[in-house]
């Protein structure tokens, strides 16, 4: 049986309890890249597209890699839709929250907002404002997010495109999501 804390309310915890929880969390953090890769591996459904959600992510990341993007950006492109299953209504924000401790403010912002920016390509066909992204027109990462959607996201639904396999990106994911890179945000 694993060790357990002594408290039933956090306010009653001891230093030893929180030391135990810290050790357990440190072990869980070591397996975090495995969990993220596992989430990607579950995205094998098509959800109505001509390619699976996994293939969409692989295509997008392959395009970013082939365009010479840095490794952090490639991993963000690969993981930009991992929130689809947990929170389809705000998948961008979920993916961004997962990535935030490990990536730049720029990449965090791009992933967080890509859903609205991607709407430029179809919102007008569903009765929504295709220019909803323009509320951030003066933001320093506006154009980078436009480019992200144009070059990597909206163009990656092609069943004939030859993308790299998940195993190609796995070492990158492990490096970017390494515990040594994790930081807290105020």
N, C-alpha and C. Protein backbone atom coordinates (compact mmCIF):
# COMPACT_ATOMS: atom_id res chain seq x y z
N UNK A 1 0.85 -1.19 0.00
CA UNK A 1 0.00 0.00 0.00
C UNK A 1 0.89 1.24 0.00
N UNK A 2 0.49 2.24 -0.76
CA UNK A 2 1.28 3.46 -0.81
C UNK A 2 1.03 4.30 0.44
N UNK A 3 1.98 5.16 0.69
CA UNK A 3 1.87 6.05 1.85
C UNK A 3 0.74 7.04 1.62
N UNK A 4 0.10 7.44 2.71
CA UNK A 4 -0.98 8.41 2.65
C UNK A 4 -0.72 9.53 3.63
N UNK A 5 -1.25 10.70 3.34
CA UNK A 5 -1.16 11.81 4.27
C UNK A 5 -2.04 11.53 5.49
N UNK A 6 -1.79 12.28 6.55
CA UNK A 6 -2.55 12.08 7.78
C UNK A 6 -3.83 12.90 7.85
N UNK A 7 -3.97 13.89 6.98
CA UNK A 7 -5.09 14.83 7.11
C UNK A 7 -6.29 14.47 6.25
N UNK A 8 -7.43 15.02 6.65
CA UNK A 8 -8.64 14.95 5.84
C UNK A 8 -9.04 16.34 5.36
N UNK A 9 -8.38 17.36 5.88
CA UNK A 9 -8.52 18.74 5.40
C UNK A 9 -7.12 19.29 5.23
N UNK A 10 -6.86 19.96 4.14
CA UNK A 10 -5.51 20.44 3.86
C UNK A 10 -4.95 21.32 4.95
N UNK A 11 -5.81 22.09 5.60
CA UNK A 11 -5.33 22.99 6.66
C UNK A 11 -4.74 22.24 7.84
N UNK A 12 -5.02 20.94 7.94
CA UNK A 12 -4.50 20.13 9.06
C UNK A 12 -3.24 19.36 8.69
N UNK A 13 -2.71 19.57 7.49
CA UNK A 13 -1.53 18.85 7.04
C UNK A 13 -0.28 19.25 7.79
N UNK A 14 0.66 18.33 7.83
CA UNK A 14 1.95 18.57 8.47
C UNK A 14 3.04 18.74 7.40
N UNK A 15 4.21 19.18 7.84
CA UNK A 15 5.33 19.30 6.91
C UNK A 15 5.64 17.94 6.29
N UNK A 16 5.53 16.88 7.07
CA UNK A 16 5.79 15.53 6.56
C UNK A 16 4.75 15.15 5.49
N UNK A 17 3.49 15.52 5.71
CA UNK A 17 2.45 15.25 4.72
C UNK A 17 2.79 15.92 3.38
N UNK A 18 3.17 17.18 3.45
CA UNK A 18 3.45 17.91 2.22
C UNK A 18 4.77 17.48 1.57
N UNK A 19 5.68 17.00 2.37
CA UNK A 19 6.91 16.41 1.82
C UNK A 19 6.55 15.14 1.03
N UNK A 20 5.67 14.30 1.61
CA UNK A 20 5.22 13.10 0.93
C UNK A 20 4.53 13.46 -0.39
N UNK A 21 3.62 14.41 -0.36
CA UNK A 21 2.92 14.81 -1.58
C UNK A 21 3.89 15.37 -2.61
N UNK A 22 4.90 16.09 -2.15
CA UNK A 22 5.90 16.61 -3.07
C UNK A 22 6.67 15.51 -3.77
N UNK A 23 7.02 14.46 -3.04
CA UNK A 23 7.72 13.32 -3.65
C UNK A 23 6.82 12.62 -4.67
N UNK A 24 5.57 12.43 -4.32
CA UNK A 24 4.62 11.78 -5.25
C UNK A 24 4.44 12.63 -6.50
N UNK A 25 4.28 13.93 -6.32
CA UNK A 25 4.11 14.81 -7.48
C UNK A 25 5.35 14.80 -8.37
N UNK A 26 6.53 14.78 -7.76
CA UNK A 26 7.77 14.74 -8.55
C UNK A 26 7.81 13.48 -9.41
N UNK A 27 7.36 12.37 -8.89
CA UNK A 27 7.31 11.13 -9.67
C UNK A 27 6.27 11.24 -10.79
N UNK A 28 5.12 11.83 -10.48
CA UNK A 28 4.10 12.01 -11.51
C UNK A 28 4.58 12.92 -12.62
N UNK A 29 5.34 13.95 -12.28
CA UNK A 29 5.83 14.88 -13.29
C UNK A 29 6.81 14.19 -14.24
N UNK A 30 7.53 13.21 -13.76
CA UNK A 30 8.45 12.48 -14.63
C UNK A 30 7.69 11.76 -15.75
N UNK A 31 6.47 11.34 -15.48
CA UNK A 31 5.68 10.61 -16.48
C UNK A 31 4.76 11.54 -17.29
N UNK A 32 4.83 12.83 -17.05
CA UNK A 32 3.95 13.76 -17.76
C UNK A 32 4.10 13.68 -19.28
N UNK A 33 5.32 13.67 -19.83
CA UNK A 33 5.43 13.54 -21.29
C UNK A 33 4.78 12.25 -21.81
N UNK A 34 4.86 11.17 -21.06
CA UNK A 34 4.20 9.93 -21.47
C UNK A 34 2.69 10.11 -21.54
N UNK A 35 2.13 10.82 -20.57
CA UNK A 35 0.68 11.04 -20.57
C UNK A 35 0.27 11.89 -21.77
N UNK A 36 1.04 12.93 -22.07
CA UNK A 36 0.72 13.79 -23.20
C UNK A 36 0.80 13.01 -24.50
N UNK A 37 1.85 12.21 -24.66
CA UNK A 37 1.96 11.38 -25.87
C UNK A 37 0.81 10.39 -25.94
N UNK A 38 0.37 9.89 -24.81
CA UNK A 38 -0.79 8.99 -24.78
C UNK A 38 -2.06 9.70 -25.21
N UNK A 39 -2.22 10.96 -24.82
CA UNK A 39 -3.40 11.73 -25.25
C UNK A 39 -3.40 11.86 -26.77
N UNK A 40 -2.24 12.15 -27.33
CA UNK A 40 -2.14 12.26 -28.79
C UNK A 40 -2.54 10.94 -29.44
N UNK A 41 -2.07 9.86 -28.87
CA UNK A 41 -2.33 8.54 -29.44
C UNK A 41 -3.82 8.18 -29.43
N UNK A 42 -4.59 8.82 -28.56
CA UNK A 42 -6.03 8.55 -28.52
C UNK A 42 -6.80 9.34 -29.57
N UNK A 43 -6.12 10.22 -30.29
CA UNK A 43 -6.79 11.10 -31.25
C UNK A 43 -6.85 10.46 -32.64
N UNK A 44 -7.16 9.19 -32.69
CA UNK A 44 -7.15 8.47 -33.96
C UNK A 44 -8.51 8.48 -34.67
N UNK A 45 -9.48 9.19 -34.12
CA UNK A 45 -10.78 9.28 -34.78
C UNK A 45 -10.76 10.43 -35.79
N UNK A 46 -11.64 10.36 -36.75
CA UNK A 46 -11.66 11.40 -37.78
C UNK A 46 -12.52 12.59 -37.39
N UNK A 47 -13.50 12.40 -36.55
CA UNK A 47 -14.43 13.47 -36.16
C UNK A 47 -15.01 14.16 -37.39
N UNK A 48 -15.15 13.40 -38.50
CA UNK A 48 -15.75 13.94 -39.70
C UNK A 48 -14.77 14.49 -40.73
N UNK A 49 -13.52 14.64 -40.36
CA UNK A 49 -12.51 15.12 -41.31
C UNK A 49 -12.00 13.97 -42.16
N UNK A 50 -11.25 14.26 -43.22
CA UNK A 50 -10.67 13.22 -44.07
C UNK A 50 -9.46 12.55 -43.44
N UNK A 51 -8.95 13.15 -42.36
CA UNK A 51 -7.84 12.55 -41.61
C UNK A 51 -8.22 12.52 -40.13
N UNK A 52 -7.55 11.69 -39.38
CA UNK A 52 -7.81 11.65 -37.93
C UNK A 52 -7.28 12.92 -37.28
N UNK A 53 -7.72 13.15 -36.07
CA UNK A 53 -7.21 14.31 -35.33
C UNK A 53 -5.71 14.15 -35.08
N UNK A 54 -5.29 12.91 -34.86
CA UNK A 54 -3.85 12.66 -34.69
C UNK A 54 -3.11 13.02 -35.97
N UNK A 55 -3.61 12.55 -37.12
CA UNK A 55 -2.95 12.85 -38.39
C UNK A 55 -2.93 14.36 -38.64
N UNK A 56 -4.00 15.06 -38.29
CA UNK A 56 -4.03 16.52 -38.41
C UNK A 56 -2.88 17.13 -37.61
N UNK A 57 -2.72 16.68 -36.38
CA UNK A 57 -1.66 17.21 -35.52
C UNK A 57 -0.28 16.88 -36.08
N UNK A 58 -0.12 15.65 -36.58
CA UNK A 58 1.16 15.25 -37.17
C UNK A 58 1.46 16.05 -38.43
N UNK A 59 0.45 16.27 -39.26
CA UNK A 59 0.65 17.08 -40.47
C UNK A 59 1.07 18.49 -40.11
N UNK A 60 0.35 19.07 -39.17
CA UNK A 60 0.65 20.45 -38.78
C UNK A 60 2.07 20.56 -38.24
N UNK A 61 2.45 19.63 -37.36
CA UNK A 61 3.79 19.66 -36.77
C UNK A 61 4.86 19.38 -37.83
N UNK A 62 4.58 18.48 -38.76
CA UNK A 62 5.52 18.20 -39.84
C UNK A 62 5.73 19.45 -40.69
N UNK A 63 4.65 20.15 -40.99
CA UNK A 63 4.77 21.38 -41.77
C UNK A 63 5.63 22.41 -41.02
N UNK A 64 5.40 22.54 -39.72
CA UNK A 64 6.18 23.49 -38.92
C UNK A 64 7.66 23.09 -38.89
N UNK A 65 7.91 21.80 -38.71
CA UNK A 65 9.30 21.32 -38.69
C UNK A 65 9.98 21.57 -40.04
N UNK A 66 9.30 21.24 -41.10
CA UNK A 66 9.87 21.42 -42.44
C UNK A 66 10.05 22.89 -42.80
N UNK A 67 9.28 23.76 -42.16
CA UNK A 67 9.41 25.20 -42.39
C UNK A 67 10.56 25.80 -41.56
N UNK A 68 11.18 24.97 -40.72
CA UNK A 68 12.32 25.44 -39.93
C UNK A 68 11.98 26.08 -38.60
N UNK A 69 10.76 25.84 -38.13
CA UNK A 69 10.39 26.38 -36.82
C UNK A 69 11.25 25.73 -35.72
N UNK A 70 11.44 26.46 -34.63
CA UNK A 70 12.21 25.92 -33.51
C UNK A 70 11.42 24.78 -32.85
N UNK A 71 12.13 23.98 -32.07
CA UNK A 71 11.54 22.78 -31.48
C UNK A 71 10.34 23.08 -30.59
N UNK A 72 10.41 24.13 -29.80
CA UNK A 72 9.28 24.48 -28.94
C UNK A 72 8.03 24.78 -29.77
N UNK A 73 8.20 25.51 -30.84
CA UNK A 73 7.06 25.83 -31.71
C UNK A 73 6.51 24.57 -32.36
N UNK A 74 7.38 23.68 -32.81
CA UNK A 74 6.93 22.43 -33.43
C UNK A 74 6.09 21.63 -32.43
N UNK A 75 6.55 21.55 -31.19
CA UNK A 75 5.80 20.81 -30.17
C UNK A 75 4.46 21.50 -29.89
N UNK A 76 4.43 22.81 -29.86
CA UNK A 76 3.17 23.52 -29.66
C UNK A 76 2.21 23.25 -30.81
N UNK A 77 2.73 23.21 -32.02
CA UNK A 77 1.88 22.89 -33.17
C UNK A 77 1.36 21.47 -33.04
N UNK A 78 2.22 20.55 -32.66
CA UNK A 78 1.80 19.15 -32.48
C UNK A 78 0.68 19.03 -31.45
N UNK A 79 0.78 19.78 -30.37
CA UNK A 79 -0.14 19.63 -29.23
C UNK A 79 -1.29 20.64 -29.23
N UNK A 80 -1.42 21.45 -30.27
CA UNK A 80 -2.39 22.55 -30.23
C UNK A 80 -3.84 22.09 -30.05
N UNK A 81 -4.17 20.87 -30.42
CA UNK A 81 -5.56 20.40 -30.32
C UNK A 81 -5.76 19.32 -29.25
N UNK A 82 -4.81 19.13 -28.35
CA UNK A 82 -4.97 18.05 -27.36
C UNK A 82 -6.14 18.29 -26.40
N UNK A 83 -6.66 19.48 -26.38
CA UNK A 83 -7.82 19.76 -25.54
C UNK A 83 -9.14 19.34 -26.15
N UNK A 84 -9.13 18.85 -27.39
CA UNK A 84 -10.38 18.53 -28.10
C UNK A 84 -11.30 17.59 -27.33
N UNK A 85 -10.76 16.55 -26.74
CA UNK A 85 -11.62 15.57 -26.07
C UNK A 85 -12.13 16.07 -24.73
N UNK A 86 -11.27 16.68 -23.98
CA UNK A 86 -11.65 17.12 -22.64
C UNK A 86 -12.59 18.33 -22.68
N UNK A 87 -12.33 19.26 -23.59
CA UNK A 87 -13.09 20.50 -23.59
C UNK A 87 -13.25 21.02 -25.02
N UNK A 88 -14.15 20.41 -25.81
CA UNK A 88 -14.28 20.84 -27.20
C UNK A 88 -14.68 22.30 -27.35
N UNK A 89 -15.40 22.85 -26.41
CA UNK A 89 -15.85 24.24 -26.52
C UNK A 89 -14.71 25.24 -26.30
N UNK A 90 -13.68 24.83 -25.59
CA UNK A 90 -12.54 25.72 -25.38
C UNK A 90 -11.22 24.93 -25.40
N UNK A 91 -11.10 24.09 -26.41
CA UNK A 91 -9.93 23.23 -26.51
C UNK A 91 -8.63 24.01 -26.59
N UNK A 92 -8.65 25.17 -27.20
CA UNK A 92 -7.43 25.98 -27.32
C UNK A 92 -6.90 26.38 -25.95
N UNK A 93 -7.80 26.80 -25.08
CA UNK A 93 -7.40 27.23 -23.75
C UNK A 93 -6.87 26.06 -22.93
N UNK A 94 -7.46 24.88 -23.10
CA UNK A 94 -6.99 23.70 -22.38
C UNK A 94 -5.59 23.32 -22.84
N UNK A 95 -5.38 23.27 -24.15
CA UNK A 95 -4.05 22.94 -24.68
C UNK A 95 -3.02 23.96 -24.21
N UNK A 96 -3.39 25.23 -24.23
CA UNK A 96 -2.47 26.28 -23.79
C UNK A 96 -2.14 26.12 -22.31
N UNK A 97 -3.12 25.78 -21.49
CA UNK A 97 -2.87 25.60 -20.05
C UNK A 97 -1.90 24.45 -19.81
N UNK A 98 -2.03 23.37 -20.57
CA UNK A 98 -1.11 22.24 -20.43
C UNK A 98 0.32 22.67 -20.78
N UNK A 99 0.45 23.47 -21.82
CA UNK A 99 1.78 23.87 -22.31
C UNK A 99 2.40 25.02 -21.54
N UNK A 100 1.61 25.84 -20.92
CA UNK A 100 2.09 27.11 -20.34
C UNK A 100 3.33 26.99 -19.47
N UNK A 101 3.45 26.02 -18.58
CA UNK A 101 4.66 26.00 -17.74
C UNK A 101 5.95 25.70 -18.51
N UNK A 102 5.85 25.30 -19.76
CA UNK A 102 7.02 24.82 -20.50
C UNK A 102 7.39 25.66 -21.71
N UNK A 103 6.55 26.61 -22.09
CA UNK A 103 6.78 27.32 -23.35
C UNK A 103 6.80 28.83 -23.14
N UNK A 104 7.23 29.52 -24.16
CA UNK A 104 7.29 30.98 -24.13
C UNK A 104 5.89 31.58 -24.04
N UNK A 105 5.85 32.82 -23.62
CA UNK A 105 4.58 33.54 -23.58
C UNK A 105 3.97 33.62 -24.98
N UNK A 106 4.80 33.80 -25.99
CA UNK A 106 4.32 33.88 -27.36
C UNK A 106 3.63 32.59 -27.78
N UNK A 107 4.29 31.44 -27.59
CA UNK A 107 3.68 30.17 -28.00
C UNK A 107 2.44 29.86 -27.18
N UNK A 108 2.47 30.20 -25.90
CA UNK A 108 1.28 30.02 -25.06
C UNK A 108 0.11 30.83 -25.64
N UNK A 109 0.35 32.08 -25.98
CA UNK A 109 -0.70 32.96 -26.50
C UNK A 109 -1.24 32.43 -27.82
N UNK A 110 -0.35 31.99 -28.69
CA UNK A 110 -0.78 31.46 -29.99
C UNK A 110 -1.69 30.26 -29.81
N UNK A 111 -1.27 29.30 -28.99
CA UNK A 111 -2.09 28.10 -28.78
C UNK A 111 -3.42 28.48 -28.13
N UNK A 112 -3.37 29.36 -27.15
CA UNK A 112 -4.59 29.75 -26.44
C UNK A 112 -5.63 30.39 -27.37
N UNK A 113 -5.17 31.14 -28.35
CA UNK A 113 -6.09 31.89 -29.21
C UNK A 113 -6.32 31.28 -30.58
N UNK A 114 -5.65 30.19 -30.89
CA UNK A 114 -5.72 29.67 -32.26
C UNK A 114 -7.15 29.27 -32.67
N UNK A 115 -7.98 28.86 -31.73
CA UNK A 115 -9.34 28.45 -32.08
C UNK A 115 -10.15 29.58 -32.70
N UNK A 116 -10.05 30.77 -32.11
CA UNK A 116 -10.77 31.92 -32.67
C UNK A 116 -10.13 32.33 -33.99
N UNK A 117 -8.81 32.31 -34.06
CA UNK A 117 -8.12 32.69 -35.30
C UNK A 117 -8.43 31.70 -36.42
N UNK A 118 -8.55 30.43 -36.08
CA UNK A 118 -8.88 29.41 -37.07
C UNK A 118 -10.29 29.64 -37.62
N UNK A 119 -11.13 30.25 -36.82
CA UNK A 119 -12.50 30.55 -37.25
C UNK A 119 -12.57 31.43 -38.47
N UNK A 120 -11.51 32.14 -38.77
CA UNK A 120 -11.46 32.98 -39.97
C UNK A 120 -11.81 32.17 -41.22
N UNK A 121 -11.46 30.89 -41.22
CA UNK A 121 -11.65 30.05 -42.40
C UNK A 121 -13.06 29.48 -42.53
N UNK A 122 -13.85 29.54 -41.45
CA UNK A 122 -15.18 28.93 -41.55
C UNK A 122 -16.28 29.60 -40.74
N UNK A 123 -15.99 30.51 -39.85
CA UNK A 123 -17.05 31.11 -39.03
C UNK A 123 -18.16 31.72 -39.90
N UNK A 124 -17.81 32.35 -40.99
CA UNK A 124 -18.81 33.00 -41.85
C UNK A 124 -19.77 31.97 -42.47
N UNK A 125 -19.36 30.71 -42.52
CA UNK A 125 -20.21 29.65 -43.06
C UNK A 125 -21.14 29.06 -42.00
N UNK A 126 -20.93 29.44 -40.75
CA UNK A 126 -21.74 28.92 -39.65
C UNK A 126 -22.47 30.03 -38.90
N UNK A 127 -22.57 31.20 -39.54
CA UNK A 127 -23.31 32.30 -38.93
C UNK A 127 -22.55 33.08 -37.88
N UNK A 128 -21.25 32.90 -37.83
CA UNK A 128 -20.42 33.62 -36.86
C UNK A 128 -19.55 34.64 -37.59
N UNK A 129 -18.88 35.46 -36.83
CA UNK A 129 -18.03 36.52 -37.38
C UNK A 129 -16.65 35.96 -37.70
N UNK A 130 -16.33 35.84 -38.97
CA UNK A 130 -15.03 35.29 -39.37
C UNK A 130 -13.89 36.20 -38.92
N UNK A 131 -14.18 37.46 -38.65
CA UNK A 131 -13.14 38.40 -38.23
C UNK A 131 -13.08 38.57 -36.72
N UNK A 132 -13.59 37.60 -35.98
CA UNK A 132 -13.55 37.68 -34.52
C UNK A 132 -12.12 37.84 -34.01
N UNK A 133 -11.16 37.32 -34.75
CA UNK A 133 -9.75 37.42 -34.34
C UNK A 133 -9.27 38.87 -34.31
N UNK A 134 -9.96 39.74 -35.02
CA UNK A 134 -9.51 41.13 -35.11
C UNK A 134 -9.61 41.89 -33.80
N UNK A 135 -10.28 41.34 -32.81
CA UNK A 135 -10.30 41.98 -31.50
C UNK A 135 -8.88 42.07 -30.92
N UNK A 136 -7.97 41.26 -31.43
CA UNK A 136 -6.57 41.26 -30.97
C UNK A 136 -5.63 41.84 -32.03
N UNK A 137 -6.17 42.56 -33.01
CA UNK A 137 -5.34 43.05 -34.13
C UNK A 137 -4.09 43.79 -33.66
N UNK A 138 -4.16 44.51 -32.56
CA UNK A 138 -3.01 45.28 -32.07
C UNK A 138 -2.11 44.49 -31.13
N UNK A 139 -2.42 43.24 -30.90
CA UNK A 139 -1.60 42.43 -29.99
C UNK A 139 -0.29 42.05 -30.68
N UNK A 140 0.81 42.01 -29.94
CA UNK A 140 2.10 41.68 -30.56
C UNK A 140 2.16 40.29 -31.21
N UNK A 141 1.30 39.35 -30.79
CA UNK A 141 1.33 38.00 -31.35
C UNK A 141 0.21 37.74 -32.35
N UNK A 142 -0.50 38.78 -32.73
CA UNK A 142 -1.61 38.63 -33.68
C UNK A 142 -1.12 37.99 -34.98
N UNK A 143 -0.14 38.57 -35.62
CA UNK A 143 0.30 38.07 -36.92
C UNK A 143 0.89 36.68 -36.80
N UNK A 144 1.60 36.40 -35.72
CA UNK A 144 2.16 35.06 -35.52
C UNK A 144 1.04 34.02 -35.42
N UNK A 145 -0.08 34.40 -34.82
CA UNK A 145 -1.21 33.48 -34.71
C UNK A 145 -1.92 33.32 -36.05
N UNK A 146 -2.04 34.39 -36.80
CA UNK A 146 -2.57 34.31 -38.16
C UNK A 146 -1.71 33.34 -38.97
N UNK A 147 -0.40 33.50 -38.88
CA UNK A 147 0.53 32.64 -39.64
C UNK A 147 0.44 31.19 -39.18
N UNK A 148 0.34 30.96 -37.88
CA UNK A 148 0.19 29.61 -37.33
C UNK A 148 -1.02 28.92 -37.97
N UNK A 149 -2.13 29.62 -38.00
CA UNK A 149 -3.35 29.03 -38.57
C UNK A 149 -3.23 28.84 -40.07
N UNK A 150 -2.71 29.82 -40.76
CA UNK A 150 -2.60 29.75 -42.21
C UNK A 150 -1.65 28.64 -42.66
N UNK A 151 -0.49 28.56 -42.07
CA UNK A 151 0.55 27.65 -42.55
C UNK A 151 0.48 26.25 -41.96
N UNK A 152 -0.04 26.12 -40.75
CA UNK A 152 0.02 24.83 -40.07
C UNK A 152 -1.33 24.22 -39.73
N UNK A 153 -2.26 25.01 -39.24
CA UNK A 153 -3.52 24.44 -38.74
C UNK A 153 -4.52 24.23 -39.87
N UNK A 154 -4.94 25.25 -40.56
CA UNK A 154 -6.00 25.13 -41.56
C UNK A 154 -5.60 24.29 -42.75
N UNK A 155 -4.32 24.12 -42.99
CA UNK A 155 -3.85 23.41 -44.18
C UNK A 155 -3.52 21.94 -43.92
N UNK A 156 -3.82 21.43 -42.76
CA UNK A 156 -3.36 20.09 -42.37
C UNK A 156 -4.48 19.07 -42.22
N UNK A 157 -5.28 18.96 -43.27
CA UNK A 157 -6.37 17.99 -43.31
C UNK A 157 -6.32 17.17 -44.60
N UNK A 158 -5.13 16.95 -45.11
CA UNK A 158 -4.91 16.37 -46.42
C UNK A 158 -4.50 14.90 -46.31
N UNK A 159 -5.35 13.97 -46.74
CA UNK A 159 -5.01 12.55 -46.63
C UNK A 159 -3.83 12.14 -47.51
N UNK A 160 -3.43 12.96 -48.47
CA UNK A 160 -2.31 12.63 -49.35
C UNK A 160 -0.97 13.18 -48.83
N UNK A 161 -1.01 13.99 -47.78
CA UNK A 161 0.22 14.59 -47.26
C UNK A 161 1.02 13.55 -46.48
N UNK A 162 2.31 13.51 -46.69
CA UNK A 162 3.17 12.57 -45.97
C UNK A 162 3.75 13.26 -44.73
N UNK A 163 3.20 12.93 -43.59
CA UNK A 163 3.68 13.52 -42.34
C UNK A 163 4.62 12.56 -41.63
N UNK A 164 5.41 13.13 -40.75
CA UNK A 164 6.28 12.31 -39.91
C UNK A 164 5.42 11.57 -38.88
N UNK A 165 5.88 10.39 -38.44
CA UNK A 165 5.12 9.65 -37.42
C UNK A 165 5.30 10.27 -36.04
N UNK A 166 4.44 9.91 -35.13
CA UNK A 166 4.52 10.41 -33.76
C UNK A 166 5.90 10.13 -33.16
N UNK A 167 6.48 8.98 -33.47
CA UNK A 167 7.80 8.63 -32.93
C UNK A 167 8.86 9.66 -33.32
N UNK A 168 8.71 10.32 -34.45
CA UNK A 168 9.65 11.36 -34.87
C UNK A 168 9.62 12.54 -33.89
N UNK A 169 8.43 12.87 -33.40
CA UNK A 169 8.26 14.03 -32.52
C UNK A 169 8.44 13.70 -31.04
N UNK A 170 8.40 12.43 -30.69
CA UNK A 170 8.47 12.05 -29.28
C UNK A 170 9.68 12.63 -28.55
N UNK A 171 10.89 12.55 -29.10
CA UNK A 171 12.02 13.15 -28.36
C UNK A 171 11.86 14.66 -28.15
N UNK A 172 11.26 15.34 -29.11
CA UNK A 172 11.02 16.78 -28.97
C UNK A 172 10.05 17.04 -27.83
N UNK A 173 8.96 16.27 -27.80
CA UNK A 173 7.96 16.42 -26.74
C UNK A 173 8.62 16.21 -25.38
N UNK A 174 9.44 15.18 -25.27
CA UNK A 174 10.12 14.90 -24.00
C UNK A 174 11.05 16.04 -23.59
N UNK A 175 11.76 16.62 -24.55
CA UNK A 175 12.66 17.73 -24.21
C UNK A 175 11.88 18.97 -23.78
N UNK A 176 10.82 19.30 -24.51
CA UNK A 176 10.06 20.52 -24.19
C UNK A 176 9.29 20.36 -22.89
N UNK A 177 8.74 19.18 -22.62
CA UNK A 177 7.95 18.97 -21.40
C UNK A 177 8.80 18.43 -20.25
N UNK A 178 10.09 18.57 -20.35
CA UNK A 178 10.99 18.12 -19.29
C UNK A 178 10.78 18.97 -18.03
N UNK A 179 10.82 18.32 -16.90
CA UNK A 179 10.59 18.98 -15.62
C UNK A 179 11.53 20.16 -15.42
N UNK A 180 12.75 20.08 -15.93
CA UNK A 180 13.71 21.17 -15.73
C UNK A 180 13.28 22.47 -16.42
N UNK A 181 12.38 22.39 -17.38
CA UNK A 181 11.88 23.57 -18.08
C UNK A 181 10.66 24.19 -17.40
N UNK A 182 10.05 23.43 -16.51
CA UNK A 182 8.78 23.89 -15.92
C UNK A 182 9.01 25.10 -15.04
N UNK A 183 8.12 26.07 -15.21
CA UNK A 183 8.17 27.27 -14.37
C UNK A 183 6.76 27.62 -13.93
N UNK A 184 6.66 28.39 -12.90
CA UNK A 184 5.35 28.83 -12.43
C UNK A 184 5.08 30.22 -12.95
N UNK A 185 3.82 30.56 -13.05
CA UNK A 185 3.41 31.86 -13.54
C UNK A 185 2.72 32.61 -12.42
N UNK A 186 2.98 33.89 -12.38
CA UNK A 186 2.34 34.72 -11.35
C UNK A 186 0.90 34.98 -11.69
